[in-house]
Protein backbone atom coordinates (compact mmCIF):
# COMPACT_ATOMS: atom_id res chain seq x y z
CA MET A 1 -15.79 47.32 -28.03
CA ASN A 2 -14.70 46.54 -24.46
CA LYS A 3 -12.50 43.43 -24.34
CA ARG A 4 -12.63 40.96 -21.46
CA ILE A 5 -9.56 39.13 -20.19
CA ALA A 6 -9.38 36.50 -17.43
CA PHE A 7 -6.21 35.81 -15.47
CA VAL A 8 -6.13 32.19 -14.34
CA THR A 9 -5.41 32.00 -10.60
CA SER A 10 -6.19 29.30 -8.02
CA SER A 11 -8.50 28.76 -5.07
CA VAL A 12 -5.47 29.06 -2.79
CA LYS A 13 -4.97 32.68 -3.89
CA PRO A 14 -7.91 33.64 -6.11
CA ASP A 15 -6.98 37.30 -6.55
CA PHE A 16 -4.37 38.73 -8.90
CA ALA A 17 -0.76 37.97 -8.02
CA GLY A 18 0.96 41.07 -6.68
CA ASN A 19 3.47 41.22 -9.52
CA ASP A 20 0.64 41.19 -12.08
CA LEU A 21 -1.08 44.30 -10.70
CA SER A 22 0.97 46.67 -12.86
CA VAL A 23 -0.21 45.03 -16.11
CA VAL A 24 -3.78 44.82 -14.76
CA ASP A 25 -3.65 48.59 -14.20
CA VAL A 26 -2.41 49.18 -17.76
CA LEU A 27 -5.19 47.03 -19.22
CA LYS A 28 -7.90 48.72 -17.14
CA LEU A 29 -6.68 52.18 -18.12
CA ALA A 30 -7.06 51.11 -21.74
CA GLY A 31 -10.71 50.19 -21.09
CA THR A 32 -10.20 46.43 -20.84
CA THR A 33 -12.06 44.39 -18.22
CA VAL A 34 -9.68 42.11 -16.36
CA GLN A 35 -10.86 39.48 -13.89
CA PRO A 36 -9.00 36.87 -11.79
CA LEU A 37 -10.55 33.40 -11.95
CA PRO A 38 -9.32 30.26 -10.15
CA TRP A 39 -8.76 27.29 -12.47
CA ASP A 40 -10.12 24.91 -9.81
CA VAL A 41 -13.51 26.63 -9.37
CA GLU A 42 -16.02 24.95 -11.65
CA THR A 43 -18.46 27.86 -11.92
CA ALA A 44 -16.13 29.90 -14.15
CA GLU A 45 -17.47 30.64 -17.66
CA TRP A 46 -14.17 30.69 -19.52
CA ASN A 47 -15.68 31.11 -22.97
CA SER A 48 -17.18 34.44 -22.00
CA PHE A 49 -13.74 36.05 -22.24
CA ASP A 50 -11.91 37.29 -25.31
CA LEU A 51 -8.66 35.98 -23.86
CA VAL A 52 -7.77 33.72 -20.93
CA VAL A 53 -4.22 34.07 -19.64
CA ILE A 54 -2.68 31.37 -17.45
CA ARG A 55 -0.97 33.34 -14.68
CA SER A 56 -0.89 32.32 -11.02
CA CYS A 57 -2.35 28.79 -10.86
CA TRP A 58 0.16 28.05 -8.13
CA ASN A 59 -1.41 24.88 -6.72
CA TYR A 60 -1.49 22.81 -9.93
CA HIS A 61 1.45 20.63 -8.83
CA HIS A 62 -0.54 19.36 -5.83
CA ASP A 63 -3.11 17.75 -8.16
CA PRO A 64 -1.60 17.53 -11.65
CA GLU A 65 -4.22 15.03 -12.85
CA LYS A 66 -6.99 17.51 -12.05
CA PHE A 67 -5.05 20.29 -13.75
CA ILE A 68 -4.57 18.21 -16.89
CA ALA A 69 -8.29 17.38 -16.87
CA TRP A 70 -9.01 21.11 -16.68
CA ILE A 71 -6.67 21.76 -19.61
CA ASN A 72 -8.46 19.07 -21.60
CA GLN A 73 -11.81 20.66 -20.76
CA MET A 74 -10.60 24.09 -21.92
CA GLU A 75 -9.40 22.48 -25.14
CA GLU A 76 -12.78 20.84 -25.76
CA GLN A 77 -14.52 24.18 -25.18
CA LYS A 78 -12.07 25.90 -27.56
CA VAL A 79 -11.25 28.58 -25.00
CA ASN A 80 -8.89 31.25 -26.37
CA MET A 81 -6.16 30.57 -23.84
CA PHE A 82 -2.49 31.47 -23.76
CA ASN A 83 0.00 30.18 -23.43
CA PRO A 84 -1.50 27.49 -25.69
CA LEU A 85 -3.04 24.53 -23.90
CA ARG A 86 -0.75 22.04 -25.64
CA ILE A 87 2.21 24.01 -24.39
CA ALA A 88 0.81 24.11 -20.85
CA ARG A 89 0.39 20.33 -20.91
CA TRP A 90 3.95 19.86 -22.23
CA ASN A 91 5.53 22.34 -19.80
CA LEU A 92 3.79 20.82 -16.77
CA HIS A 93 6.30 17.95 -16.48
CA LYS A 94 10.02 18.65 -16.44
CA GLY A 95 10.44 15.97 -19.08
CA TYR A 96 10.13 18.91 -21.50
CA LEU A 97 13.77 19.62 -20.62
CA LYS A 98 14.75 16.26 -22.12
CA ASP A 99 12.90 17.23 -25.31
CA LEU A 100 14.86 20.47 -25.51
CA GLU A 101 18.14 18.73 -24.70
CA SER A 102 17.56 16.35 -27.61
CA LYS A 103 17.40 19.45 -29.83
CA GLY A 104 20.75 20.74 -28.67
CA VAL A 105 19.85 22.84 -25.62
CA LEU A 106 22.49 22.66 -22.88
CA LEU A 107 21.33 21.64 -19.40
CA PRO A 108 23.09 20.95 -16.11
CA GLU A 109 23.98 17.26 -15.83
CA THR A 110 20.76 15.48 -14.88
CA MET A 111 19.65 11.95 -14.02
CA TRP A 112 15.99 11.23 -14.82
CA LEU A 113 14.15 8.67 -12.72
CA ASP A 114 10.71 7.21 -13.39
CA LYS A 115 8.12 6.96 -10.64
CA GLY A 116 8.50 3.66 -8.79
CA SER A 117 12.06 3.02 -9.94
CA LYS A 118 14.92 2.25 -7.57
CA ALA A 119 18.06 4.33 -7.13
CA ASN A 120 20.64 4.91 -4.44
CA LEU A 121 21.39 8.58 -3.91
CA SER A 122 24.91 7.97 -2.57
CA SER A 123 25.75 5.81 -5.56
CA VAL A 124 24.41 8.40 -7.99
CA LEU A 125 26.55 11.21 -6.56
CA THR A 126 29.61 8.97 -6.33
CA GLU A 127 29.28 7.62 -9.88
CA LYS A 128 28.64 11.10 -11.28
CA ASN A 129 31.45 12.58 -9.15
CA TRP A 130 29.11 15.31 -7.89
CA GLU A 131 29.82 16.93 -4.54
CA LYS A 132 26.22 18.14 -4.30
CA ALA A 133 22.99 17.55 -6.19
CA VAL A 134 19.52 19.08 -6.28
CA VAL A 135 16.71 16.53 -6.02
CA LYS A 136 13.31 17.59 -7.33
CA PRO A 137 10.00 16.11 -8.51
CA ALA A 138 9.30 16.26 -12.26
CA ILE A 139 6.08 18.14 -11.50
CA SER A 140 6.83 20.94 -9.09
CA ALA A 141 6.51 24.67 -8.53
CA THR A 142 8.29 27.13 -6.23
CA ALA A 143 10.88 24.49 -5.22
CA PHE A 144 8.12 22.20 -3.89
CA ASN A 145 9.69 19.04 -2.37
CA THR A 146 13.07 20.13 -3.73
CA PHE A 147 16.18 19.62 -1.62
CA LEU A 148 19.94 19.97 -1.83
CA VAL A 149 22.05 16.99 -0.82
CA SER A 150 25.80 16.54 -0.46
CA ARG A 151 27.63 13.32 -1.14
CA SER A 152 28.45 12.95 2.56
CA ALA A 153 24.77 13.35 3.57
CA ALA A 154 23.21 11.32 0.74
CA ALA A 155 22.78 8.15 2.82
CA GLN A 156 20.74 10.04 5.41
CA ALA A 157 18.53 11.47 2.65
CA GLN A 158 17.87 8.08 1.04
CA THR A 159 14.59 7.40 2.88
CA LYS A 160 13.19 10.80 1.92
CA PHE A 161 14.34 10.27 -1.66
CA GLU A 162 12.74 6.82 -1.90
CA SER A 163 9.47 8.15 -0.50
CA GLN A 164 9.31 10.86 -3.16
CA LEU A 165 10.23 8.39 -5.89
CA THR A 166 7.25 6.20 -5.01
CA HIS A 167 4.92 9.11 -5.77
CA SER A 168 6.46 10.88 -8.77
CA ASP A 169 9.08 10.96 -11.48
CA MET A 170 12.22 12.61 -10.12
CA LEU A 171 15.28 14.53 -11.27
CA VAL A 172 18.69 14.40 -9.63
CA GLN A 173 20.68 17.31 -10.99
CA LYS A 174 24.26 18.40 -10.43
CA PHE A 175 24.23 21.43 -8.14
CA MET A 176 25.48 24.46 -10.03
CA THR A 177 27.65 26.39 -7.58
CA GLU A 178 27.38 29.36 -9.95
CA VAL A 179 23.83 29.94 -8.68
CA GLN A 180 25.20 30.85 -5.25
CA ALA A 181 28.31 32.58 -6.57
CA HIS A 182 26.86 34.63 -9.43
CA GLY A 183 23.10 34.05 -9.54
CA GLU A 184 20.59 32.62 -11.99
CA TRP A 185 19.31 34.52 -15.01
CA SER A 186 15.64 35.00 -15.83
CA LEU A 187 14.95 36.46 -19.26
CA ILE A 188 11.36 37.48 -19.99
CA PHE A 189 9.82 37.49 -23.47
CA PHE A 190 6.43 38.60 -24.79
CA ASN A 191 5.37 37.06 -28.11
CA LYS A 192 8.96 35.68 -28.26
CA VAL A 193 10.41 39.21 -28.23
CA PHE A 194 12.81 40.00 -25.40
CA SER A 195 11.48 42.44 -22.82
CA HIS A 196 13.74 42.47 -19.75
CA ALA A 197 15.86 40.32 -17.45
CA VAL A 198 16.74 39.88 -13.81
CA ILE A 199 19.50 38.07 -12.00
CA LYS A 200 18.19 36.02 -9.09
CA ARG A 201 20.26 35.14 -6.05
CA PRO A 202 19.49 32.85 -3.12
CA ALA A 203 19.65 33.95 0.48
CA GLU A 204 22.92 33.26 2.28
CA LYS A 205 23.46 29.52 2.86
CA ASP A 206 20.42 28.64 0.72
CA PHE A 207 20.25 27.33 -2.85
CA ARG A 208 16.72 28.42 -3.81
CA VAL A 209 16.37 31.71 -5.66
CA GLN A 210 12.61 32.11 -5.12
CA ASN A 211 11.55 35.07 -2.98
CA ASP A 212 9.50 32.62 -0.87
CA PHE A 213 12.84 31.46 0.57
CA GLY A 214 14.53 34.84 0.85
CA GLY A 215 15.87 35.01 -2.69
CA SER A 216 16.30 38.33 -4.46
CA ALA A 217 15.93 39.53 -8.06
CA THR A 218 17.82 42.47 -9.54
CA PRO A 219 16.96 43.97 -12.96
CA THR A 220 20.06 43.55 -15.14
CA SER A 221 20.90 43.55 -18.85
CA PRO A 222 22.03 40.07 -19.91
CA PRO A 223 25.26 39.47 -21.84
CA ALA A 224 24.72 39.17 -25.59
CA PHE A 225 25.50 35.44 -25.65
CA VAL A 226 22.97 34.75 -22.86
CA LEU A 227 20.23 36.62 -24.73
CA SER A 228 21.16 34.85 -27.97
CA GLU A 229 20.92 31.40 -26.36
CA ALA A 230 17.56 32.22 -24.77
CA GLU A 231 16.23 33.40 -28.14
CA LYS A 232 17.45 30.19 -29.80
CA ILE A 233 15.59 28.11 -27.22
CA LEU A 234 12.32 29.86 -28.03
CA THR A 235 12.78 29.25 -31.77
CA LEU A 236 12.50 25.51 -30.99
CA ILE A 237 8.83 25.99 -30.05
CA ALA A 238 6.55 26.28 -33.06
CA GLU A 239 3.51 27.55 -31.16
CA PRO A 240 3.01 31.24 -30.39
CA LEU A 241 3.90 32.19 -26.83
CA LEU A 242 2.23 35.11 -25.14
CA TYR A 243 4.97 35.06 -22.52
CA ALA A 244 8.03 33.00 -21.67
CA ARG A 245 10.64 33.09 -18.95
CA VAL A 246 13.97 31.48 -19.71
CA ASP A 247 15.90 30.59 -16.55
CA GLY A 248 19.52 29.59 -16.72
CA VAL A 249 23.01 29.81 -15.33
CA VAL A 250 26.34 30.67 -16.92
CA SER A 251 28.96 27.98 -16.33
CA GLU A 252 32.37 27.91 -17.97
CA GLY A 253 31.23 30.52 -20.46
CA ARG A 254 28.13 28.60 -21.52
CA PHE A 255 24.46 29.27 -20.81
CA LEU A 256 22.76 26.22 -19.29
CA LEU A 257 18.97 26.08 -19.20
CA MET A 258 17.50 25.46 -15.75
CA GLU A 259 13.83 25.97 -16.57
CA LEU A 260 11.66 27.24 -19.41
CA GLU A 261 8.68 28.70 -17.57
CA LEU A 262 5.54 28.78 -19.73
CA ILE A 263 2.68 28.19 -17.26
CA GLU A 264 2.78 30.44 -14.20
CA PRO A 265 6.07 32.29 -13.84
CA MET A 266 6.61 35.55 -12.04
CA LEU A 267 7.44 37.95 -14.86
CA PHE A 268 9.07 40.65 -12.73
CA LEU A 269 6.78 43.28 -14.21
CA GLU A 270 7.62 46.87 -13.45
CA SER A 271 5.67 49.77 -14.87
CA GLU A 272 8.76 51.98 -14.87
CA ASN A 273 10.72 49.76 -17.26
CA GLY A 274 7.79 49.46 -19.65
CA SER A 275 7.39 45.69 -19.26
CA ALA A 276 3.79 45.95 -18.01
CA LYS A 277 2.87 47.98 -21.10
CA LEU A 278 4.62 45.47 -23.39
CA PHE A 279 2.76 42.58 -21.78
CA ALA A 280 -0.58 44.39 -22.09
CA GLU A 281 0.10 45.17 -25.76
CA ALA A 282 0.98 41.53 -26.40
CA MET A 283 -2.34 40.43 -24.89
CA MET A 284 -4.31 42.81 -27.07
CA ASP A 285 -2.38 41.55 -30.12
CA PHE A 286 -3.27 37.96 -29.24
CA ILE A 287 -6.94 38.92 -29.04
CA SER A 288 -6.72 40.49 -32.49
CA TYR A 289 -4.88 37.54 -34.03
CA ASN A 290 -7.12 34.80 -32.65
């Protein structure tokens, strides 16, 4: 029987993301119907699909309340969606990193600030003895409203910082110079089984590794200890995960988690390394199991 799969996109870019086209091709060749559907278009009939896969809903951070309401609606309708809706809700806010840290996961040094609280950026960097810090909203995607600040320029950035803090919870995180020097790892898993990895590097004089800002990604085999740490992180999540991307940096011989991407990450799918086929097989397995 022909299976039907929906890839969740957004009204900003309703079609498949370019990096997903290789897995779409694999699924179609196997006789599966695959359709892109924006999460923020109310006419979608999500229950008509055997599997709904959250993929490129790249505007959710602009209206997180609406996105959470959509998640709740999918839950009420018992839509067969992966990653699981509870996980999507949890992973939406970077507070999930605090949860993982409490379970022993190593993170870069981070100060967590609640929406509406008061903080002085210069004082934070001075007290923490950080030369530079990355400031980011707790709900963000593709480095949205994220900026790098040095201790010497913190006073000038205070107004911008205060403005953001009035609208959202914020993180002030020690800048990891290793990102510029050596790059950031992204390890991709399907059904919690390692598939492949890339090392991401920012453009010269930038700190953001996303390709939107000139960053690059090179397929590379991770060191054994990096893979082991990423696998340990995934064991802390009881729910099944159709896909996961573990982002981190190696500092002083330790792997520090930067992000655990479970909602809409680029998965660096390449048909030639077999990752598209592995992802397609994982989807068909999830249809069979659920």
